[in-house]
C-alpha atoms as a PDB file:
ATOM      1  CA  UNK A   1       4.233 -21.863  19.452  1.00  0.00           C
ATOM      2  CA  UNK A   2       6.695 -22.167  16.623  1.00  0.00           C
ATOM      3  CA  UNK A   3       8.696 -18.867  15.701  1.00  0.00           C
ATOM      4  CA  UNK A   4       8.256 -17.475  12.688  1.00  0.00           C
ATOM      5  CA  UNK A   5      10.763 -15.602  10.425  1.00  0.00           C
ATOM      6  CA  UNK A   6       9.323 -13.765   7.793  1.00  0.00           C
ATOM      7  CA  UNK A   7      10.826 -13.771   3.991  1.00  0.00           C
ATOM      8  CA  UNK A   8      11.313 -11.324   0.876  1.00  0.00           C
ATOM      9  CA  UNK A   9      10.458 -11.898  -2.269  1.00  0.00           C
ATOM     10  CA  UNK A  10      10.154  -9.745  -5.237  1.00  0.00           C
ATOM     11  CA  UNK A  11       6.845  -8.046  -5.998  1.00  0.00           C
ATOM     12  CA  UNK A  12       4.500  -9.244  -8.600  1.00  0.00           C
ATOM     13  CA  UNK A  13       1.180  -7.981 -10.486  1.00  0.00           C
ATOM     14  CA  UNK A  14      -0.990  -9.093  -7.834  1.00  0.00           C
ATOM     15  CA  UNK A  15       0.547  -7.472  -5.244  1.00  0.00           C
ATOM     16  CA  UNK A  16      -0.805  -4.059  -6.759  1.00  0.00           C
ATOM     17  CA  UNK A  17      -4.321  -3.607  -4.913  1.00  0.00           C
ATOM     18  CA  UNK A  18      -2.735  -4.279  -1.592  1.00  0.00           C
ATOM     19  CA  UNK A  19       0.082  -2.003  -2.127  1.00  0.00           C
ATOM     20  CA  UNK A  20      -2.161   0.771  -3.325  1.00  0.00           C
ATOM     21  CA  UNK A  21      -4.290   0.307   0.047  1.00  0.00           C
ATOM     22  CA  UNK A  22      -1.578   0.071   1.982  1.00  0.00           C
ATOM     23  CA  UNK A  23      -0.210   3.796   0.521  1.00  0.00           C
ATOM     24  CA  UNK A  24      -3.735   5.107   0.078  1.00  0.00           C
ATOM     25  CA  UNK A  25      -4.192   4.357   4.017  1.00  0.00           C
ATOM     26  CA  UNK A  26      -0.716   5.585   5.122  1.00  0.00           C
ATOM     27  CA  UNK A  27      -0.678   8.770   3.045  1.00  0.00           C
ATOM     28  CA  UNK A  28      -4.312   9.365   1.392  1.00  0.00           C
ATOM     29  CA  UNK A  29      -5.294  11.975   4.416  1.00  0.00           C
ATOM     30  CA  UNK A  30      -2.082  14.037   3.653  1.00  0.00           C
ATOM     31  CA  UNK A  31      -2.996  13.454   0.053  1.00  0.00           C
ATOM     32  CA  UNK A  32      -6.189  14.810   0.218  1.00  0.00           C
ATOM     33  CA  UNK A  33      -5.268  18.107   2.039  1.00  0.00           C
ATOM     34  CA  UNK A  34      -2.288  18.978   0.071  1.00  0.00           C
ATOM     35  CA  UNK A  35      -3.736  18.074  -3.679  1.00  0.00           C
ATOM     36  CA  UNK A  36      -6.951  15.924  -3.077  1.00  0.00           C
ATOM     37  CA  UNK A  37      -6.948  12.296  -4.113  1.00  0.00           C
ATOM     38  CA  UNK A  38      -8.334  11.310  -7.346  1.00  0.00           C
ATOM     39  CA  UNK A  39      -9.004   7.830  -7.731  1.00  0.00           C
ATOM     40  CA  UNK A  40      -8.806   8.255 -11.720  1.00  0.00           C
ATOM     41  CA  UNK A  41      -5.254   9.083 -12.152  1.00  0.00           C
END
């Protein structure tokens, strides 16, 4: 099995949905409890 070394690159507009989904999964429960989660904001 070959070793894989991750690399970094600048974020692009195409990364936006993925970044939002990760943030929502990580913080959504806490945001909902404190302020409520509003998908339209």
